[in-house]
N, C-alpha and C. Protein backbone atom coordinates (compact mmCIF):
# COMPACT_ATOMS: atom_id res chain seq x y z
N MET A 1 93.69 152.16 96.66
CA MET A 1 92.32 152.59 96.92
C MET A 1 91.68 153.07 95.63
N ASN A 2 90.36 153.21 95.69
CA ASN A 2 89.60 153.61 94.51
C ASN A 2 89.91 155.05 94.10
N HIS A 3 90.11 155.26 92.81
CA HIS A 3 90.40 156.59 92.32
C HIS A 3 89.35 157.08 91.33
N ARG A 4 88.32 156.29 91.06
CA ARG A 4 87.27 156.70 90.14
C ARG A 4 86.38 157.72 90.83
N GLY A 5 86.02 158.77 90.09
CA GLY A 5 85.21 159.83 90.67
C GLY A 5 83.75 159.44 90.83
N LEU A 6 83.05 160.22 91.64
CA LEU A 6 81.62 160.02 91.87
C LEU A 6 80.79 160.91 90.95
N LEU A 7 79.52 160.56 90.80
CA LEU A 7 78.55 161.45 90.16
C LEU A 7 77.72 162.05 91.28
N VAL A 8 77.91 163.34 91.53
CA VAL A 8 77.26 164.03 92.64
C VAL A 8 76.18 164.95 92.09
N VAL A 9 74.93 164.68 92.46
CA VAL A 9 73.79 165.46 91.98
C VAL A 9 73.32 166.40 93.09
N VAL A 10 73.30 167.69 92.78
CA VAL A 10 72.90 168.70 93.77
C VAL A 10 71.59 169.35 93.33
N SER A 11 70.60 169.33 94.21
CA SER A 11 69.32 169.98 93.96
C SER A 11 68.98 170.87 95.16
N GLY A 12 67.97 171.69 94.98
CA GLY A 12 67.54 172.56 96.07
C GLY A 12 66.49 173.54 95.58
N PHE A 13 65.80 174.15 96.52
CA PHE A 13 64.78 175.12 96.16
C PHE A 13 65.39 176.35 95.49
N SER A 14 64.62 177.01 94.66
CA SER A 14 65.06 178.27 94.09
C SER A 14 65.31 179.27 95.21
N GLY A 15 66.49 179.89 95.19
CA GLY A 15 66.83 180.88 96.22
C GLY A 15 67.61 180.32 97.39
N VAL A 16 67.84 178.99 97.40
CA VAL A 16 68.53 178.39 98.55
C VAL A 16 70.04 178.60 98.48
N GLY A 17 70.54 178.93 97.29
CA GLY A 17 71.97 179.19 97.15
C GLY A 17 72.77 178.02 96.61
N LYS A 18 72.07 177.07 95.96
CA LYS A 18 72.77 175.88 95.45
C LYS A 18 73.75 176.23 94.33
N GLY A 19 73.39 177.22 93.48
CA GLY A 19 74.28 177.62 92.40
C GLY A 19 75.59 178.19 92.94
N THR A 20 75.47 179.02 93.96
CA THR A 20 76.65 179.61 94.60
C THR A 20 77.50 178.52 95.26
N LEU A 21 76.83 177.56 95.89
CA LEU A 21 77.52 176.44 96.53
C LEU A 21 78.31 175.63 95.51
N VAL A 22 77.66 175.28 94.41
CA VAL A 22 78.32 174.47 93.37
C VAL A 22 79.52 175.22 92.78
N LYS A 23 79.33 176.50 92.52
CA LYS A 23 80.43 177.32 91.96
C LYS A 23 81.61 177.34 92.92
N LYS A 24 81.34 177.47 94.21
CA LYS A 24 82.40 177.50 95.22
C LYS A 24 83.12 176.16 95.29
N LEU A 25 82.37 175.08 95.21
CA LEU A 25 82.97 173.75 95.24
C LEU A 25 83.94 173.55 94.08
N VAL A 26 83.47 173.92 92.89
CA VAL A 26 84.25 173.68 91.67
C VAL A 26 85.49 174.58 91.60
N THR A 27 85.36 175.83 92.05
CA THR A 27 86.47 176.77 91.95
C THR A 27 87.50 176.61 93.07
N GLU A 28 87.07 176.13 94.23
CA GLU A 28 87.97 176.06 95.37
C GLU A 28 88.48 174.66 95.70
N CYS A 29 87.89 173.64 95.09
CA CYS A 29 88.30 172.26 95.36
C CYS A 29 88.73 171.58 94.06
N ASP A 30 89.91 170.99 94.07
CA ASP A 30 90.47 170.42 92.85
C ASP A 30 89.78 169.15 92.38
N ASN A 31 89.06 168.48 93.27
CA ASN A 31 88.53 167.16 92.91
C ASN A 31 87.21 167.20 92.15
N TYR A 32 86.61 168.40 91.98
CA TYR A 32 85.30 168.47 91.32
C TYR A 32 85.39 168.95 89.87
N ALA A 33 84.49 168.42 89.05
CA ALA A 33 84.31 168.91 87.68
C ALA A 33 82.83 169.22 87.51
N LEU A 34 82.51 170.43 87.09
CA LEU A 34 81.12 170.82 86.88
C LEU A 34 80.65 170.28 85.54
N SER A 35 79.53 169.59 85.57
CA SER A 35 79.00 168.99 84.35
C SER A 35 78.73 170.05 83.28
N VAL A 36 79.15 169.75 82.05
CA VAL A 36 78.90 170.63 80.91
C VAL A 36 77.75 170.04 80.11
N SER A 37 76.68 170.82 79.92
CA SER A 37 75.50 170.33 79.22
C SER A 37 75.64 170.42 77.71
N MET A 38 74.92 169.55 77.02
CA MET A 38 74.78 169.62 75.57
C MET A 38 73.46 170.32 75.27
N THR A 39 73.45 171.18 74.27
CA THR A 39 72.22 171.90 73.94
C THR A 39 72.12 172.15 72.44
N THR A 40 70.87 172.32 72.01
CA THR A 40 70.64 172.65 70.59
C THR A 40 70.44 174.15 70.38
N ARG A 41 70.46 174.93 71.45
CA ARG A 41 70.29 176.37 71.24
C ARG A 41 71.59 176.98 70.72
N LYS A 42 71.48 178.12 70.11
CA LYS A 42 72.64 178.79 69.53
C LYS A 42 73.51 179.41 70.63
N PRO A 43 74.81 179.46 70.43
CA PRO A 43 75.70 180.08 71.42
C PRO A 43 75.40 181.57 71.58
N ARG A 44 75.47 182.05 72.81
CA ARG A 44 75.35 183.48 73.07
C ARG A 44 76.74 184.09 73.08
N GLU A 45 76.79 185.39 73.02
CA GLU A 45 78.08 186.08 72.97
C GLU A 45 78.93 185.72 74.19
N GLY A 46 80.15 185.31 73.94
CA GLY A 46 81.08 184.98 75.02
C GLY A 46 81.06 183.53 75.42
N GLU A 47 80.07 182.77 74.97
CA GLU A 47 79.99 181.36 75.32
C GLU A 47 80.96 180.54 74.46
N ILE A 48 81.58 179.54 75.07
CA ILE A 48 82.60 178.73 74.40
C ILE A 48 82.14 177.29 74.32
N ASP A 49 82.21 176.72 73.12
CA ASP A 49 81.82 175.34 72.92
C ASP A 49 82.74 174.42 73.71
N GLY A 50 82.15 173.49 74.48
CA GLY A 50 82.93 172.58 75.29
C GLY A 50 83.23 173.09 76.68
N VAL A 51 82.96 174.38 76.90
CA VAL A 51 83.17 174.99 78.21
C VAL A 51 81.83 175.46 78.78
N SER A 52 81.14 176.32 78.04
CA SER A 52 79.82 176.79 78.47
C SER A 52 78.79 175.69 78.24
N TYR A 53 78.79 175.16 77.03
CA TYR A 53 77.92 174.05 76.61
C TYR A 53 78.63 173.30 75.49
N PHE A 54 78.10 172.11 75.18
CA PHE A 54 78.44 171.45 73.92
C PHE A 54 77.30 171.81 72.96
N PHE A 55 77.58 172.63 71.97
CA PHE A 55 76.53 173.09 71.05
C PHE A 55 76.42 172.14 69.87
N VAL A 56 75.22 171.57 69.67
CA VAL A 56 74.97 170.63 68.58
C VAL A 56 73.64 170.95 67.91
N ASP A 57 73.38 170.34 66.74
CA ASP A 57 72.09 170.54 66.08
C ASP A 57 71.09 169.50 66.60
N HIS A 58 69.81 169.66 66.21
CA HIS A 58 68.76 168.77 66.71
C HIS A 58 69.00 167.31 66.32
N ASP A 59 69.46 167.08 65.09
CA ASP A 59 69.69 165.71 64.64
C ASP A 59 70.75 165.01 65.49
N THR A 60 71.83 165.73 65.78
CA THR A 60 72.90 165.17 66.59
C THR A 60 72.41 164.85 68.00
N PHE A 61 71.61 165.77 68.56
CA PHE A 61 71.10 165.55 69.91
C PHE A 61 70.18 164.34 69.94
N GLU A 62 69.27 164.23 68.97
CA GLU A 62 68.33 163.12 68.96
C GLU A 62 69.04 161.80 68.69
N GLN A 63 70.12 161.85 67.92
CA GLN A 63 70.93 160.66 67.70
C GLN A 63 71.60 160.22 69.00
N THR A 64 72.05 161.21 69.79
CA THR A 64 72.67 160.92 71.08
C THR A 64 71.65 160.30 72.03
N ILE A 65 70.41 160.78 71.99
CA ILE A 65 69.33 160.20 72.80
C ILE A 65 69.13 158.73 72.41
N ALA A 66 69.04 158.49 71.10
CA ALA A 66 68.80 157.14 70.59
C ALA A 66 69.91 156.17 70.97
N GLN A 67 71.13 156.70 71.12
CA GLN A 67 72.28 155.87 71.47
C GLN A 67 72.48 155.77 72.98
N ASP A 68 71.50 156.27 73.74
CA ASP A 68 71.59 156.27 75.21
C ASP A 68 72.87 156.97 75.66
N GLY A 69 73.16 158.09 75.01
CA GLY A 69 74.39 158.81 75.29
C GLY A 69 74.27 159.96 76.26
N LEU A 70 73.12 160.05 76.95
CA LEU A 70 72.91 161.16 77.89
C LEU A 70 72.57 160.63 79.28
N VAL A 71 73.10 161.29 80.28
CA VAL A 71 72.77 160.96 81.67
C VAL A 71 71.32 161.34 81.92
N GLU A 72 70.92 162.52 81.45
CA GLU A 72 69.54 163.02 81.54
C GLU A 72 69.39 164.10 80.49
N TYR A 73 68.13 164.38 80.10
CA TYR A 73 67.90 165.47 79.16
C TYR A 73 66.46 165.97 79.30
N ALA A 74 66.22 167.16 78.77
CA ALA A 74 64.89 167.76 78.79
C ALA A 74 64.77 168.73 77.62
N SER A 75 63.53 169.05 77.29
CA SER A 75 63.27 170.02 76.23
C SER A 75 62.68 171.28 76.87
N TYR A 76 63.22 172.43 76.48
CA TYR A 76 62.76 173.70 77.07
C TYR A 76 62.74 174.77 75.99
N VAL A 77 61.57 175.36 75.78
CA VAL A 77 61.36 176.44 74.81
C VAL A 77 61.96 176.07 73.44
N GLY A 78 61.64 174.88 72.99
CA GLY A 78 62.03 174.47 71.65
C GLY A 78 63.45 173.95 71.50
N ASN A 79 64.20 173.91 72.59
CA ASN A 79 65.58 173.40 72.52
C ASN A 79 65.80 172.28 73.51
N TYR A 80 66.72 171.40 73.15
CA TYR A 80 67.11 170.31 74.04
C TYR A 80 68.27 170.74 74.94
N TYR A 81 68.26 170.19 76.14
CA TYR A 81 69.39 170.35 77.07
C TYR A 81 69.63 168.99 77.71
N GLY A 82 70.88 168.57 77.82
CA GLY A 82 71.16 167.29 78.44
C GLY A 82 72.61 167.16 78.87
N THR A 83 72.90 166.10 79.61
CA THR A 83 74.24 165.86 80.13
C THR A 83 74.87 164.69 79.39
N PRO A 84 75.93 164.91 78.63
CA PRO A 84 76.56 163.83 77.86
C PRO A 84 77.21 162.78 78.76
N LYS A 85 76.81 161.53 78.57
CA LYS A 85 77.32 160.44 79.39
C LYS A 85 78.83 160.23 79.18
N ALA A 86 79.28 160.32 77.93
CA ALA A 86 80.70 160.07 77.63
C ALA A 86 81.60 161.05 78.36
N TRP A 87 81.18 162.33 78.41
CA TRP A 87 81.98 163.35 79.10
C TRP A 87 82.04 163.07 80.60
N VAL A 88 80.88 162.71 81.15
CA VAL A 88 80.81 162.41 82.58
C VAL A 88 81.72 161.23 82.91
N GLU A 89 81.66 160.16 82.10
CA GLU A 89 82.48 158.98 82.35
C GLU A 89 83.97 159.30 82.21
N GLU A 90 84.29 160.13 81.23
CA GLU A 90 85.70 160.53 81.03
C GLU A 90 86.24 161.24 82.27
N GLN A 91 85.44 162.16 82.80
CA GLN A 91 85.86 162.89 84.00
C GLN A 91 85.97 161.97 85.21
N ARG A 92 85.00 161.08 85.37
CA ARG A 92 85.01 160.16 86.51
C ARG A 92 86.20 159.21 86.43
N ASN A 93 86.49 158.72 85.22
CA ASN A 93 87.62 157.81 85.05
C ASN A 93 88.96 158.50 85.32
N SER A 94 88.98 159.82 85.16
CA SER A 94 90.20 160.57 85.45
C SER A 94 90.33 160.89 86.94
N GLY A 95 89.31 160.51 87.72
CA GLY A 95 89.35 160.72 89.16
C GLY A 95 88.56 161.91 89.65
N LYS A 96 87.90 162.63 88.74
CA LYS A 96 87.12 163.81 89.12
C LYS A 96 85.73 163.41 89.61
N ASP A 97 85.26 164.09 90.65
CA ASP A 97 83.88 163.95 91.10
C ASP A 97 83.04 164.94 90.31
N VAL A 98 82.15 164.41 89.47
CA VAL A 98 81.36 165.27 88.58
C VAL A 98 80.12 165.78 89.31
N VAL A 99 79.96 167.10 89.33
CA VAL A 99 78.82 167.73 89.99
C VAL A 99 77.78 168.11 88.95
N LEU A 100 76.57 167.64 89.18
CA LEU A 100 75.45 167.91 88.28
C LEU A 100 74.38 168.66 89.07
N GLU A 101 74.14 169.91 88.71
CA GLU A 101 73.13 170.73 89.41
C GLU A 101 71.83 170.72 88.61
N ILE A 102 70.85 169.94 89.06
CA ILE A 102 69.58 169.82 88.34
C ILE A 102 68.40 169.77 89.30
N GLU A 103 67.20 169.93 88.72
CA GLU A 103 65.99 169.94 89.55
C GLU A 103 65.60 168.51 89.94
N VAL A 104 64.57 168.41 90.77
CA VAL A 104 64.21 167.17 91.44
C VAL A 104 63.91 166.02 90.47
N GLN A 105 63.02 166.27 89.49
CA GLN A 105 62.64 165.17 88.59
C GLN A 105 63.85 164.62 87.84
N GLY A 106 64.70 165.52 87.37
CA GLY A 106 65.90 165.09 86.66
C GLY A 106 66.83 164.30 87.55
N ALA A 107 66.96 164.75 88.80
CA ALA A 107 67.85 164.08 89.76
C ALA A 107 67.39 162.64 90.02
N LEU A 108 66.10 162.45 90.19
CA LEU A 108 65.58 161.11 90.47
C LEU A 108 65.73 160.20 89.25
N LYS A 109 65.64 160.76 88.06
CA LYS A 109 65.87 159.98 86.84
C LYS A 109 67.33 159.54 86.77
N VAL A 110 68.23 160.43 87.16
CA VAL A 110 69.66 160.10 87.18
C VAL A 110 69.90 158.94 88.15
N LYS A 111 69.25 158.98 89.31
CA LYS A 111 69.43 157.93 90.32
C LYS A 111 68.94 156.58 89.80
N GLU A 112 67.86 156.60 89.01
CA GLU A 112 67.35 155.36 88.43
C GLU A 112 68.37 154.77 87.45
N LYS A 113 68.97 155.65 86.66
CA LYS A 113 69.90 155.23 85.61
C LYS A 113 71.29 154.93 86.16
N PHE A 114 71.68 155.66 87.21
CA PHE A 114 72.99 155.50 87.83
C PHE A 114 72.80 155.34 89.34
N PRO A 115 72.53 154.12 89.79
CA PRO A 115 72.27 153.89 91.22
C PRO A 115 73.41 154.33 92.14
N ASP A 116 74.63 154.42 91.60
CA ASP A 116 75.76 154.83 92.43
C ASP A 116 75.88 156.35 92.55
N ALA A 117 75.00 157.10 91.87
CA ALA A 117 75.02 158.56 91.98
C ALA A 117 74.69 158.97 93.42
N VAL A 118 75.31 160.06 93.87
CA VAL A 118 75.08 160.57 95.23
C VAL A 118 74.19 161.81 95.13
N LEU A 119 72.98 161.72 95.66
CA LEU A 119 72.01 162.81 95.57
C LEU A 119 72.02 163.64 96.85
N ILE A 120 72.28 164.94 96.70
CA ILE A 120 72.34 165.86 97.85
C ILE A 120 71.31 166.97 97.64
N PHE A 121 70.46 167.17 98.63
CA PHE A 121 69.46 168.25 98.55
C PHE A 121 69.86 169.37 99.51
N VAL A 122 69.94 170.58 98.96
CA VAL A 122 70.33 171.76 99.76
C VAL A 122 69.06 172.41 100.32
N LEU A 123 69.00 172.52 101.62
CA LEU A 123 67.84 173.11 102.29
C LEU A 123 68.19 174.46 102.91
N PRO A 124 67.19 175.35 103.05
CA PRO A 124 67.41 176.60 103.79
C PRO A 124 67.25 176.32 105.29
N PRO A 125 67.74 177.23 106.14
CA PRO A 125 67.55 177.04 107.58
C PRO A 125 66.07 177.00 107.96
N SER A 126 65.25 177.75 107.21
CA SER A 126 63.81 177.80 107.48
C SER A 126 63.09 178.32 106.24
N ALA A 127 61.78 178.13 106.21
CA ALA A 127 60.98 178.63 105.09
C ALA A 127 61.00 180.17 105.07
N LYS A 128 60.99 180.78 106.26
CA LYS A 128 61.02 182.24 106.33
C LYS A 128 62.32 182.79 105.76
N GLU A 129 63.42 182.08 106.02
CA GLU A 129 64.72 182.51 105.48
C GLU A 129 64.75 182.35 103.96
N LEU A 130 64.13 181.31 103.45
CA LEU A 130 64.06 181.13 102.00
C LEU A 130 63.30 182.29 101.37
N LYS A 131 62.18 182.66 101.98
CA LYS A 131 61.38 183.79 101.47
C LYS A 131 62.20 185.08 101.51
N ARG A 132 62.95 185.28 102.60
CA ARG A 132 63.78 186.48 102.72
C ARG A 132 64.83 186.53 101.63
N ARG A 133 65.44 185.39 101.33
CA ARG A 133 66.47 185.36 100.29
C ARG A 133 65.88 185.65 98.90
N LEU A 134 64.72 185.08 98.64
CA LEU A 134 64.07 185.33 97.35
C LEU A 134 63.71 186.81 97.20
N GLU A 135 63.20 187.39 98.27
CA GLU A 135 62.84 188.82 98.23
C GLU A 135 64.10 189.69 98.16
N GLY A 136 65.18 189.20 98.79
CA GLY A 136 66.42 189.97 98.83
C GLY A 136 67.11 190.10 97.50
N ARG A 137 66.74 189.26 96.54
CA ARG A 137 67.32 189.38 95.20
C ARG A 137 66.98 190.72 94.57
N GLY A 138 65.79 191.19 94.88
CA GLY A 138 65.34 192.48 94.34
C GLY A 138 65.05 192.46 92.86
N THR A 139 64.96 191.28 92.27
CA THR A 139 64.74 191.17 90.82
C THR A 139 63.40 190.55 90.48
N GLU A 140 62.66 190.13 91.50
CA GLU A 140 61.41 189.42 91.24
C GLU A 140 60.24 190.07 91.98
N THR A 141 59.08 190.03 91.35
CA THR A 141 57.87 190.57 91.96
C THR A 141 57.41 189.65 93.08
N GLN A 142 56.54 190.15 93.92
CA GLN A 142 56.02 189.34 95.02
C GLN A 142 55.27 188.12 94.49
N ASP A 143 54.62 188.29 93.34
CA ASP A 143 53.90 187.18 92.72
C ASP A 143 54.87 186.06 92.33
N VAL A 144 56.01 186.43 91.77
CA VAL A 144 57.01 185.44 91.37
C VAL A 144 57.60 184.76 92.60
N VAL A 145 57.84 185.54 93.65
CA VAL A 145 58.36 184.98 94.90
C VAL A 145 57.41 183.91 95.44
N LEU A 146 56.11 184.21 95.42
CA LEU A 146 55.11 183.27 95.91
C LEU A 146 55.05 182.02 95.04
N LYS A 147 55.23 182.19 93.73
CA LYS A 147 55.25 181.03 92.83
C LYS A 147 56.45 180.14 93.13
N ARG A 148 57.59 180.76 93.42
CA ARG A 148 58.79 179.99 93.74
C ARG A 148 58.62 179.26 95.08
N LEU A 149 57.98 179.89 96.03
CA LEU A 149 57.71 179.24 97.31
C LEU A 149 56.73 178.07 97.14
N SER A 150 55.76 178.25 96.26
CA SER A 150 54.81 177.18 95.97
C SER A 150 55.51 176.00 95.33
N ARG A 151 56.44 176.32 94.42
CA ARG A 151 57.23 175.26 93.78
C ARG A 151 58.10 174.55 94.81
N ALA A 152 58.65 175.30 95.76
CA ALA A 152 59.47 174.70 96.81
C ALA A 152 58.64 173.74 97.66
N GLU A 153 57.39 174.13 97.93
CA GLU A 153 56.51 173.25 98.71
C GLU A 153 56.29 171.94 97.97
N GLU A 154 56.11 172.00 96.65
CA GLU A 154 55.93 170.79 95.85
C GLU A 154 57.19 169.93 95.88
N GLU A 155 58.34 170.58 95.72
CA GLU A 155 59.61 169.84 95.68
C GLU A 155 59.95 169.21 97.03
N SER A 156 59.46 169.80 98.12
CA SER A 156 59.78 169.29 99.45
C SER A 156 59.28 167.87 99.66
N ALA A 157 58.30 167.45 98.86
CA ALA A 157 57.76 166.09 98.98
C ALA A 157 58.77 165.04 98.54
N PHE A 158 59.82 165.45 97.83
CA PHE A 158 60.78 164.49 97.29
C PHE A 158 62.11 164.46 98.06
N VAL A 159 62.23 165.32 99.06
CA VAL A 159 63.52 165.44 99.76
C VAL A 159 63.96 164.11 100.37
N GLU A 160 63.02 163.34 100.91
CA GLU A 160 63.38 162.07 101.56
C GLU A 160 63.94 161.03 100.59
N GLN A 161 63.76 161.26 99.29
CA GLN A 161 64.28 160.31 98.30
C GLN A 161 65.76 160.57 97.98
N TYR A 162 66.31 161.63 98.53
CA TYR A 162 67.73 161.95 98.33
C TYR A 162 68.58 161.17 99.34
N ASP A 163 69.86 161.06 99.05
CA ASP A 163 70.76 160.34 99.94
C ASP A 163 71.15 161.18 101.15
N TYR A 164 71.30 162.50 100.94
CA TYR A 164 71.74 163.40 102.00
C TYR A 164 71.04 164.75 101.87
N ILE A 165 70.98 165.45 102.98
CA ILE A 165 70.59 166.87 102.96
C ILE A 165 71.74 167.67 103.57
N VAL A 166 71.89 168.90 103.12
CA VAL A 166 72.78 169.86 103.78
C VAL A 166 71.99 171.15 103.93
N VAL A 167 72.16 171.82 105.05
CA VAL A 167 71.45 173.08 105.30
C VAL A 167 72.39 174.23 104.99
N ASN A 168 71.97 175.09 104.08
CA ASN A 168 72.82 176.22 103.70
C ASN A 168 72.50 177.43 104.57
N ASP A 169 73.04 177.39 105.79
CA ASP A 169 72.94 178.51 106.71
C ASP A 169 74.19 179.36 106.56
N ASP A 170 75.34 178.70 106.60
CA ASP A 170 76.63 179.32 106.37
C ASP A 170 77.27 178.61 105.17
N LEU A 171 77.63 179.38 104.13
CA LEU A 171 78.10 178.79 102.88
C LEU A 171 79.35 177.94 103.07
N GLY A 172 80.30 178.43 103.87
CA GLY A 172 81.52 177.67 104.11
C GLY A 172 81.25 176.34 104.80
N ALA A 173 80.38 176.37 105.80
CA ALA A 173 80.03 175.14 106.52
C ALA A 173 79.26 174.18 105.62
N CYS A 174 78.43 174.75 104.76
CA CYS A 174 77.66 173.94 103.83
C CYS A 174 78.60 173.23 102.84
N MET A 175 79.60 173.95 102.35
CA MET A 175 80.57 173.37 101.43
C MET A 175 81.35 172.26 102.11
N GLU A 176 81.75 172.47 103.34
CA GLU A 176 82.50 171.46 104.08
C GLU A 176 81.63 170.22 104.32
N ALA A 177 80.32 170.42 104.52
CA ALA A 177 79.42 169.28 104.70
C ALA A 177 79.36 168.44 103.43
N VAL A 178 79.28 169.10 102.28
CA VAL A 178 79.27 168.38 101.01
C VAL A 178 80.59 167.63 100.81
N ASN A 179 81.70 168.30 101.10
CA ASN A 179 83.01 167.64 100.98
C ASN A 179 83.10 166.41 101.89
N GLY A 180 82.53 166.52 103.08
CA GLY A 180 82.52 165.40 104.01
C GLY A 180 81.73 164.22 103.47
N ILE A 181 80.59 164.53 102.86
CA ILE A 181 79.76 163.47 102.26
C ILE A 181 80.53 162.77 101.14
N VAL A 182 81.17 163.56 100.28
CA VAL A 182 81.91 162.99 99.15
C VAL A 182 83.08 162.14 99.64
N ARG A 183 83.80 162.63 100.64
CA ARG A 183 84.92 161.86 101.19
C ARG A 183 84.44 160.52 101.76
N ALA A 184 83.31 160.57 102.47
CA ALA A 184 82.78 159.35 103.07
C ALA A 184 82.32 158.37 101.98
N GLU A 185 81.68 158.88 100.94
CA GLU A 185 81.20 158.02 99.86
C GLU A 185 82.35 157.28 99.17
N HIS A 186 83.48 157.93 99.08
CA HIS A 186 84.65 157.30 98.46
C HIS A 186 85.17 156.11 99.27
N GLN A 187 84.75 156.00 100.53
CA GLN A 187 85.22 154.91 101.38
C GLN A 187 84.28 153.71 101.39
N ARG A 188 83.22 153.77 100.59
CA ARG A 188 82.29 152.63 100.55
C ARG A 188 83.02 151.37 100.06
N PRO A 189 82.79 150.23 100.71
CA PRO A 189 83.48 149.00 100.31
C PRO A 189 83.28 148.64 98.83
N ASN A 190 82.05 148.84 98.30
CA ASN A 190 81.80 148.45 96.90
C ASN A 190 82.56 149.33 95.91
N LEU A 191 83.10 150.46 96.36
CA LEU A 191 83.90 151.31 95.49
C LEU A 191 85.40 151.05 95.67
N ASN A 192 85.72 150.13 96.55
CA ASN A 192 87.14 149.84 96.84
C ASN A 192 87.41 148.34 96.82
N LEU A 193 86.75 147.65 95.90
CA LEU A 193 86.84 146.19 95.86
C LEU A 193 88.25 145.70 95.53
N GLU A 194 88.96 146.43 94.68
CA GLU A 194 90.30 145.99 94.30
C GLU A 194 91.22 145.97 95.52
N HIS A 195 91.16 147.03 96.33
CA HIS A 195 91.99 147.10 97.52
C HIS A 195 91.61 146.00 98.51
N ILE A 196 90.31 145.78 98.69
CA ILE A 196 89.84 144.76 99.63
C ILE A 196 90.28 143.37 99.17
N THR A 197 90.12 143.09 97.86
CA THR A 197 90.51 141.79 97.30
C THR A 197 92.00 141.54 97.47
N ASN A 198 92.81 142.55 97.17
CA ASN A 198 94.27 142.41 97.33
C ASN A 198 94.65 142.12 98.78
N LEU A 199 93.97 142.82 99.70
CA LEU A 199 94.27 142.63 101.11
C LEU A 199 93.90 141.22 101.56
N LYS A 200 92.76 140.72 101.08
CA LYS A 200 92.33 139.36 101.41
C LYS A 200 93.35 138.34 100.92
N GLU A 201 93.83 138.55 99.69
CA GLU A 201 94.82 137.63 99.11
C GLU A 201 96.13 137.67 99.90
N GLU A 202 96.55 138.86 100.33
CA GLU A 202 97.77 139.00 101.11
C GLU A 202 97.63 138.31 102.47
N LEU A 203 96.45 138.50 103.10
CA LEU A 203 96.20 137.86 104.40
C LEU A 203 96.20 136.34 104.27
N ASN A 204 95.56 135.87 103.19
CA ASN A 204 95.51 134.43 102.94
C ASN A 204 96.91 133.84 102.78
N ALA A 205 97.76 134.60 102.05
CA ALA A 205 99.12 134.14 101.82
C ALA A 205 99.92 134.12 103.12
N LEU A 206 99.72 135.12 103.97
CA LEU A 206 100.42 135.17 105.27
C LEU A 206 100.01 134.01 106.17
N VAL A 207 98.69 133.73 106.18
CA VAL A 207 98.17 132.65 107.03
C VAL A 207 98.74 131.30 106.57
N LYS A 208 98.90 131.15 105.27
CA LYS A 208 99.44 129.90 104.71
C LYS A 208 100.96 129.83 104.79
N GLY A 209 101.57 130.93 105.26
CA GLY A 209 103.02 130.95 105.41
C GLY A 209 103.75 131.14 104.10
N GLU A 210 103.08 131.72 103.12
CA GLU A 210 103.70 131.91 101.81
C GLU A 210 104.62 133.13 101.78
N ASN A 211 104.49 134.01 102.77
CA ASN A 211 105.35 135.21 102.81
C ASN A 211 105.96 135.35 104.20
């Protein structure tokens, strides 16, 4: 059977708990690898190159862009951030399902570039619950909460373009739903062509009386 890993893209509204979900998946399930981004910003205290980020200079990053070496990238406050394609492929070839947690526009760009990517959108049980979670953080003003809700309304227009949705009502159940999606995706015929071809050849040989 197929042992190559999937590229799993997880998106969701701010406050829905997607970061917590991804962290739980990576720490509690052996089959996932969390994507490590490349960036041109300087390392902060405690950050480790190759673990926290791949830290490079602007020339190296732009050279990587020119060589089509990134799954996706963006510029933010004067620095580049992106996902190195070579690292993702290395992990997938080793059998790991690579999890990429990014926003909607980036996710749809990934799907264009990698049609086999699995896009999962994490939804709250309700809009009222999303507002409660944002307010429950206790770190943001009401104005910021409203801005995040407004952004969520904009992002909701793209949910139907994802392959799957999961509702984060209970974190454990949400994680199991994602695991179920990934397990099912691994059974797609186009990802198991070698096994199917071998079986066809064996059946053909049996029918012809060769075995």
